[in-house]
Amino acid sequence: MIKIFGMKTCPYCTYVHEQIKDDKRFRVIDIGEDVSYMHEFLALRDNDPVFNHSKEIGDIGIPCFLREDGSVSLKPEDFGLKEYSPEGASCSIDGSGC
């Protein structure tokens, strides 16, 4: 099963979640729902180089896809999904997006 880390308040995450309704291949984890979920996500974000660019530009790095083999992707298209791409929006740490 592929874990998807995200938040209900993130439009990128919501867009992905709408695409995977009833798809048993995915498990959605809202990192704002429980501190243990946030901890699991931050452990990935702090240690996986796939997040380097996100951190450099001030993005959080969600939605984040964690495969069963432990590999991480930030690209919905890697899973046959479409990415939400509104003009001018981003989920940034500095609060400038989402």
C-alpha atoms as a PDB file:
ATOM      1  CA  MET A   1       0.000   0.000   0.000  1.00  0.00           C
ATOM      2  CA  ILE A   2       1.223   3.497  -0.854  1.00  0.00           C
ATOM      3  CA  LYS A   3       0.985   6.054   1.936  1.00  0.00           C
ATOM      4  CA  ILE A   4       0.138   9.602   0.947  1.00  0.00           C
ATOM      5  CA  PHE A   5       1.115  12.231   3.501  1.00  0.00           C
ATOM      6  CA  GLY A   6      -0.800  15.477   3.210  1.00  0.00           C
ATOM      7  CA  MET A   7      -3.250  17.828   4.896  1.00  0.00           C
ATOM      8  CA  LYS A   8      -6.927  18.583   4.329  1.00  0.00           C
ATOM      9  CA  THR A   9      -6.120  22.295   4.058  1.00  0.00           C
ATOM     10  CA  CYS A  10      -3.690  21.767   1.159  1.00  0.00           C
ATOM     11  CA  PRO A  11      -5.370  22.086  -2.265  1.00  0.00           C
ATOM     12  CA  TYR A  12      -2.687  19.909  -3.875  1.00  0.00           C
ATOM     13  CA  CYS A  13      -3.445  17.131  -1.388  1.00  0.00           C
ATOM     14  CA  THR A  14      -7.199  17.504  -1.756  1.00  0.00           C
ATOM     15  CA  TYR A  15      -6.869  17.239  -5.531  1.00  0.00           C
ATOM     16  CA  VAL A  16      -4.890  14.006  -5.205  1.00  0.00           C
ATOM     17  CA  HIS A  17      -7.269  12.606  -2.592  1.00  0.00           C
ATOM     18  CA  GLU A  18     -10.238  13.182  -4.895  1.00  0.00           C
ATOM     19  CA  GLN A  19      -8.510  11.045  -7.538  1.00  0.00           C
ATOM     20  CA  ILE A  20      -7.879   8.081  -5.250  1.00  0.00           C
ATOM     21  CA  LYS A  21     -11.273   7.684  -3.597  1.00  0.00           C
ATOM     22  CA  ASP A  22     -11.999   3.979  -3.111  1.00  0.00           C
ATOM     23  CA  ASP A  23      -8.563   3.004  -4.492  1.00  0.00           C
ATOM     24  CA  LYS A  24      -7.236   0.385  -2.078  1.00  0.00           C
ATOM     25  CA  ARG A  25      -3.653   0.900  -3.277  1.00  0.00           C
ATOM     26  CA  PHE A  26      -3.433   4.131  -1.255  1.00  0.00           C
ATOM     27  CA  ARG A  27      -3.686   5.138   2.392  1.00  0.00           C
ATOM     28  CA  VAL A  28      -4.127   8.849   3.072  1.00  0.00           C
ATOM     29  CA  ILE A  29      -2.413  10.204   6.179  1.00  0.00           C
ATOM     30  CA  ASP A  30      -3.320  13.719   7.329  1.00  0.00           C
ATOM     31  CA  ILE A  31      -0.164  14.966   9.061  1.00  0.00           C
ATOM     32  CA  GLY A  32      -2.166  17.621  10.905  1.00  0.00           C
ATOM     33  CA  GLU A  33      -4.470  15.056  12.468  1.00  0.00           C
ATOM     34  CA  ASP A  34      -2.027  13.415  14.878  1.00  0.00           C
ATOM     35  CA  VAL A  35       1.457  14.292  16.091  1.00  0.00           C
ATOM     36  CA  SER A  36       2.660  10.758  15.318  1.00  0.00           C
ATOM     37  CA  TYR A  37       1.744  11.284  11.642  1.00  0.00           C
ATOM     38  CA  MET A  38       3.625  14.583  11.612  1.00  0.00           C
ATOM     39  CA  HIS A  39       6.617  12.873  13.225  1.00  0.00           C
ATOM     40  CA  GLU A  40       6.634  10.119  10.588  1.00  0.00           C
ATOM     41  CA  PHE A  41       6.433  12.688   7.784  1.00  0.00           C
ATOM     42  CA  LEU A  42       9.159  14.917   9.263  1.00  0.00           C
ATOM     43  CA  ALA A  43      11.489  11.927   9.616  1.00  0.00           C
ATOM     44  CA  LEU A  44      11.108  11.393   5.864  1.00  0.00           C
ATOM     45  CA  ARG A  45      11.425  15.084   5.024  1.00  0.00           C
ATOM     46  CA  ASP A  46      14.489  15.585   7.193  1.00  0.00           C
ATOM     47  CA  ASN A  47      16.378  12.617   5.757  1.00  0.00           C
ATOM     48  CA  ASP A  48      15.301  11.940   2.180  1.00  0.00           C
ATOM     49  CA  PRO A  49      17.039  13.952  -0.564  1.00  0.00           C
ATOM     50  CA  VAL A  50      13.832  13.969  -2.645  1.00  0.00           C
ATOM     51  CA  PHE A  51      12.767  16.883  -0.410  1.00  0.00           C
ATOM     52  CA  ASN A  52      15.884  19.015  -0.993  1.00  0.00           C
ATOM     53  CA  HIS A  53      14.315  21.181  -3.666  1.00  0.00           C
ATOM     54  CA  SER A  54      11.099  21.612  -1.674  1.00  0.00           C
ATOM     55  CA  LYS A  55      13.080  22.789   1.342  1.00  0.00           C
ATOM     56  CA  GLU A  56      15.192  25.127  -0.792  1.00  0.00           C
ATOM     57  CA  ILE A  57      12.116  26.918  -2.136  1.00  0.00           C
ATOM     58  CA  GLY A  58      10.207  26.906   1.165  1.00  0.00           C
ATOM     59  CA  ASP A  59       7.648  24.252   0.266  1.00  0.00           C
ATOM     60  CA  ILE A  60       6.451  21.676   2.757  1.00  0.00           C
ATOM     61  CA  GLY A  61       6.694  18.728   0.368  1.00  0.00           C
ATOM     62  CA  ILE A  62       3.121  17.489   0.377  1.00  0.00           C
ATOM     63  CA  PRO A  63       1.495  15.505  -0.958  1.00  0.00           C
ATOM     64  CA  CYS A  64       4.239  12.979  -0.367  1.00  0.00           C
ATOM     65  CA  PHE A  65       3.994   9.407  -1.621  1.00  0.00           C
ATOM     66  CA  LEU A  66       5.735   6.660   0.361  1.00  0.00           C
ATOM     67  CA  ARG A  67       5.986   3.333  -1.439  1.00  0.00           C
ATOM     68  CA  GLU A  68       6.085  -0.003   0.362  1.00  0.00           C
ATOM     69  CA  ASP A  69       9.796  -0.320  -0.448  1.00  0.00           C
ATOM     70  CA  GLY A  70      10.483   2.922   1.464  1.00  0.00           C
ATOM     71  CA  SER A  71      11.117   5.084  -1.581  1.00  0.00           C
ATOM     72  CA  VAL A  72       9.536   8.528  -1.705  1.00  0.00           C
ATOM     73  CA  SER A  73       8.070  10.601  -4.531  1.00  0.00           C
ATOM     74  CA  LEU A  74       6.500  14.028  -4.635  1.00  0.00           C
ATOM     75  CA  LYS A  75       5.100  13.458  -8.126  1.00  0.00           C
ATOM     76  CA  PRO A  76       1.477  12.305  -8.427  1.00  0.00           C
ATOM     77  CA  GLU A  77       2.139  11.386 -12.054  1.00  0.00           C
ATOM     78  CA  ASP A  78       4.473   8.600 -10.836  1.00  0.00           C
ATOM     79  CA  PHE A  79       1.260   6.882  -9.709  1.00  0.00           C
ATOM     80  CA  GLY A  80      -0.945   7.674 -12.685  1.00  0.00           C
ATOM     81  CA  LEU A  81      -2.472  10.717 -11.004  1.00  0.00           C
ATOM     82  CA  LYS A  82      -2.746  14.324 -12.118  1.00  0.00           C
ATOM     83  CA  GLU A  83      -1.009  17.163 -10.306  1.00  0.00           C
ATOM     84  CA  TYR A  84      -2.957  20.236  -9.238  1.00  0.00           C
ATOM     85  CA  SER A  85      -1.278  23.284 -10.720  1.00  0.00           C
ATOM     86  CA  PRO A  86      -3.124  26.531 -10.052  1.00  0.00           C
ATOM     87  CA  GLU A  87      -1.351  29.663 -11.106  1.00  0.00           C
ATOM     88  CA  GLY A  88       0.500  31.331  -8.234  1.00  0.00           C
ATOM     89  CA  ALA A  89      -0.348  28.891  -5.427  1.00  0.00           C
ATOM     90  CA  SER A  90       2.053  26.832  -3.351  1.00  0.00           C
ATOM     91  CA  CYS A  91       2.050  25.186   0.060  1.00  0.00           C
ATOM     92  CA  SER A  92       4.939  27.150   1.495  1.00  0.00           C
ATOM     93  CA  ILE A  93       6.324  27.248   5.014  1.00  0.00           C
ATOM     94  CA  ASP A  94       6.294  31.053   4.992  1.00  0.00           C
ATOM     95  CA  GLY A  95       2.524  31.102   4.538  1.00  0.00           C
ATOM     96  CA  SER A  96       2.617  32.598   1.041  1.00  0.00           C
ATOM     97  CA  GLY A  97       0.604  29.752  -0.422  1.00  0.00           C
ATOM     98  CA  CYS A  98      -2.253  27.378   0.289  1.00  0.00           C
END
